[in-house]
Amino acid sequence: MSQPQQGEPSGIPEAIRGLRRSLGLTQAQLAQKLLVRPNSISRYEIGNVKPSPRILLILTLLAQGCGEHQVFAAALSDAGFDSNFLASSPHSDSIQPARGDCNV
């Protein structure tokens, strides 16, 4: 298992993998939701690439009601974005988990 990048909150790769699996999504399906290439998801999950604040925001919104939500919210906070940023995000109400629930 690779080490997190310097400054990266621990648990991000595992949280992305866990959220994707709990939502029943393939890497390609999650990539489509995040508007990234499928190989980006693989790189996030093994810890080679740190997700951008935009990706962390979408993951935070997708993870509402899931155990991974706090990991992504903490990573956003560490990146300098507070809870007001999340609350004021446009379209935050329209992003829902794929099946509406998590198996956590």
C-alpha atoms as a PDB file:
ATOM      1  CA  MET A   1       0.000   0.000   0.000  1.00  0.00           C
ATOM      2  CA  SER A   2       1.448   3.378  -0.934  1.00  0.00           C
ATOM      3  CA  GLN A   3       1.953   6.173   1.538  1.00  0.00           C
ATOM      4  CA  PRO A   4      -0.292   9.267   1.392  1.00  0.00           C
ATOM      5  CA  GLN A   5       1.238  12.305  -0.271  1.00  0.00           C
ATOM      6  CA  GLN A   6       2.663  14.875   2.101  1.00  0.00           C
ATOM      7  CA  GLY A   7      -0.183  16.958   3.486  1.00  0.00           C
ATOM      8  CA  GLU A   8      -2.819  14.496   2.318  1.00  0.00           C
ATOM      9  CA  PRO A   9      -5.237  13.407   5.032  1.00  0.00           C
ATOM     10  CA  SER A  10      -4.851   9.714   5.677  1.00  0.00           C
ATOM     11  CA  GLY A  11      -7.741   7.549   4.662  1.00  0.00           C
ATOM     12  CA  ILE A  12      -8.656   9.332   1.424  1.00  0.00           C
ATOM     13  CA  PRO A  13      -7.742   6.416  -0.894  1.00  0.00           C
ATOM     14  CA  GLU A  14      -9.609   3.933   1.298  1.00  0.00           C
ATOM     15  CA  ALA A  15     -12.599   6.268   1.625  1.00  0.00           C
ATOM     16  CA  ILE A  16     -12.867   6.682  -2.148  1.00  0.00           C
ATOM     17  CA  ARG A  17     -12.671   2.933  -2.677  1.00  0.00           C
ATOM     18  CA  GLY A  18     -15.156   2.293   0.137  1.00  0.00           C
ATOM     19  CA  LEU A  19     -17.649   4.868  -1.131  1.00  0.00           C
ATOM     20  CA  ARG A  20     -17.416   3.563  -4.687  1.00  0.00           C
ATOM     21  CA  ARG A  21     -18.003   0.002  -3.533  1.00  0.00           C
ATOM     22  CA  SER A  22     -20.819   0.891  -1.140  1.00  0.00           C
ATOM     23  CA  LEU A  23     -22.565   2.725  -3.983  1.00  0.00           C
ATOM     24  CA  GLY A  24     -22.081  -0.273  -6.263  1.00  0.00           C
ATOM     25  CA  LEU A  25     -20.114   1.701  -8.847  1.00  0.00           C
ATOM     26  CA  THR A  26     -17.221   0.647 -11.040  1.00  0.00           C
ATOM     27  CA  GLN A  27     -14.222   2.924 -11.344  1.00  0.00           C
ATOM     28  CA  ALA A  28     -15.505   3.991 -14.775  1.00  0.00           C
ATOM     29  CA  GLN A  29     -18.946   4.862 -13.374  1.00  0.00           C
ATOM     30  CA  LEU A  30     -17.491   6.933 -10.533  1.00  0.00           C
ATOM     31  CA  ALA A  31     -15.169   8.636 -13.008  1.00  0.00           C
ATOM     32  CA  GLN A  32     -18.200   9.599 -15.085  1.00  0.00           C
ATOM     33  CA  LYS A  33     -19.888  11.164 -12.041  1.00  0.00           C
ATOM     34  CA  LEU A  34     -16.709  13.086 -11.162  1.00  0.00           C
ATOM     35  CA  LEU A  35     -16.008  14.076 -14.798  1.00  0.00           C
ATOM     36  CA  VAL A  36     -12.530  12.544 -14.715  1.00  0.00           C
ATOM     37  CA  ARG A  37     -10.843   9.722 -16.613  1.00  0.00           C
ATOM     38  CA  PRO A  38     -11.327   6.206 -15.222  1.00  0.00           C
ATOM     39  CA  ASN A  39      -7.584   5.850 -14.572  1.00  0.00           C
ATOM     40  CA  SER A  40      -7.856   8.871 -12.249  1.00  0.00           C
ATOM     41  CA  ILE A  41     -10.084   6.856  -9.922  1.00  0.00           C
ATOM     42  CA  SER A  42      -7.512   4.083  -9.804  1.00  0.00           C
ATOM     43  CA  ARG A  43      -4.787   6.606  -9.028  1.00  0.00           C
ATOM     44  CA  TYR A  44      -6.905   8.181  -6.253  1.00  0.00           C
ATOM     45  CA  GLU A  45      -7.645   4.760  -4.753  1.00  0.00           C
ATOM     46  CA  ILE A  46      -4.006   3.697  -4.578  1.00  0.00           C
ATOM     47  CA  GLY A  47      -2.906   7.087  -3.288  1.00  0.00           C
ATOM     48  CA  ASN A  48      -0.766   8.143  -6.253  1.00  0.00           C
ATOM     49  CA  VAL A  49      -2.830  11.267  -6.913  1.00  0.00           C
ATOM     50  CA  LYS A  50      -4.493  13.586  -4.437  1.00  0.00           C
ATOM     51  CA  PRO A  51      -8.052  14.591  -5.422  1.00  0.00           C
ATOM     52  CA  SER A  52      -8.552  18.289  -6.121  1.00  0.00           C
ATOM     53  CA  PRO A  53     -10.893  20.344  -3.922  1.00  0.00           C
ATOM     54  CA  ARG A  54     -13.526  20.098  -6.700  1.00  0.00           C
ATOM     55  CA  ILE A  55     -13.337  16.296  -6.617  1.00  0.00           C
ATOM     56  CA  LEU A  56     -13.375  16.273  -2.804  1.00  0.00           C
ATOM     57  CA  LEU A  57     -16.499  18.445  -2.851  1.00  0.00           C
ATOM     58  CA  ILE A  58     -18.328  16.080  -5.193  1.00  0.00           C
ATOM     59  CA  LEU A  59     -17.191  13.075  -3.146  1.00  0.00           C
ATOM     60  CA  THR A  60     -18.404  14.792   0.023  1.00  0.00           C
ATOM     61  CA  LEU A  61     -21.809  15.372  -1.550  1.00  0.00           C
ATOM     62  CA  LEU A  62     -22.004  11.819  -2.918  1.00  0.00           C
ATOM     63  CA  ALA A  63     -21.072  10.445   0.496  1.00  0.00           C
ATOM     64  CA  GLN A  64     -23.858  12.197   2.419  1.00  0.00           C
ATOM     65  CA  GLY A  65     -25.224   9.618   4.819  1.00  0.00           C
ATOM     66  CA  CYS A  66     -22.209   7.345   4.339  1.00  0.00           C
ATOM     67  CA  GLY A  67     -19.331   6.730   6.703  1.00  0.00           C
ATOM     68  CA  GLU A  68     -16.849   8.248   4.250  1.00  0.00           C
ATOM     69  CA  HIS A  69     -18.543  11.658   4.401  1.00  0.00           C
ATOM     70  CA  GLN A  70     -16.464  12.810   7.369  1.00  0.00           C
ATOM     71  CA  VAL A  71     -13.184  11.823   5.683  1.00  0.00           C
ATOM     72  CA  PHE A  72     -13.971  13.914   2.611  1.00  0.00           C
ATOM     73  CA  ALA A  73     -15.315  16.836   4.652  1.00  0.00           C
ATOM     74  CA  ALA A  74     -12.116  16.818   6.751  1.00  0.00           C
ATOM     75  CA  ALA A  75      -9.994  16.777   3.591  1.00  0.00           C
ATOM     76  CA  LEU A  76     -11.915  19.792   2.269  1.00  0.00           C
ATOM     77  CA  SER A  77     -11.347  21.556   5.562  1.00  0.00           C
ATOM     78  CA  ASP A  78      -7.632  20.720   5.411  1.00  0.00           C
ATOM     79  CA  ALA A  79      -7.585  22.213   1.901  1.00  0.00           C
ATOM     80  CA  GLY A  80      -8.912  25.490   3.333  1.00  0.00           C
ATOM     81  CA  PHE A  81     -12.624  25.123   2.602  1.00  0.00           C
ATOM     82  CA  ASP A  82     -15.032  25.439   5.525  1.00  0.00           C
ATOM     83  CA  SER A  83     -18.550  24.117   6.013  1.00  0.00           C
ATOM     84  CA  ASN A  84     -20.009  27.294   4.489  1.00  0.00           C
ATOM     85  CA  PHE A  85     -18.327  26.364   1.209  1.00  0.00           C
ATOM     86  CA  LEU A  86     -20.104  23.025   1.183  1.00  0.00           C
ATOM     87  CA  ALA A  87     -23.459  24.530   2.150  1.00  0.00           C
ATOM     88  CA  SER A  88     -23.223  27.263  -0.489  1.00  0.00           C
ATOM     89  CA  SER A  89     -22.108  24.968  -3.289  1.00  0.00           C
ATOM     90  CA  PRO A  90     -24.372  25.335  -6.329  1.00  0.00           C
ATOM     91  CA  HIS A  91     -26.356  22.213  -7.160  1.00  0.00           C
ATOM     92  CA  SER A  92     -25.332  20.487  -3.924  1.00  0.00           C
ATOM     93  CA  ASP A  93     -28.931  19.359  -3.477  1.00  0.00           C
ATOM     94  CA  SER A  94     -28.947  17.698  -6.900  1.00  0.00           C
ATOM     95  CA  ILE A  95     -25.996  15.360  -6.246  1.00  0.00           C
ATOM     96  CA  GLN A  96     -27.244  12.174  -4.642  1.00  0.00           C
ATOM     97  CA  PRO A  97     -25.666   8.769  -4.064  1.00  0.00           C
ATOM     98  CA  ALA A  98     -26.245   6.421  -6.990  1.00  0.00           C
ATOM     99  CA  ARG A  99     -28.688   4.221  -5.100  1.00  0.00           C
ATOM    100  CA  GLY A 100     -29.652   6.709  -2.439  1.00  0.00           C
ATOM    101  CA  ASP A 101     -28.041   4.718   0.378  1.00  0.00           C
ATOM    102  CA  CYS A 102     -24.761   3.292   1.553  1.00  0.00           C
ATOM    103  CA  ASN A 103     -24.004  -0.189   2.714  1.00  0.00           C
ATOM    104  CA  VAL A 104     -21.882   0.946   5.637  1.00  0.00           C
END
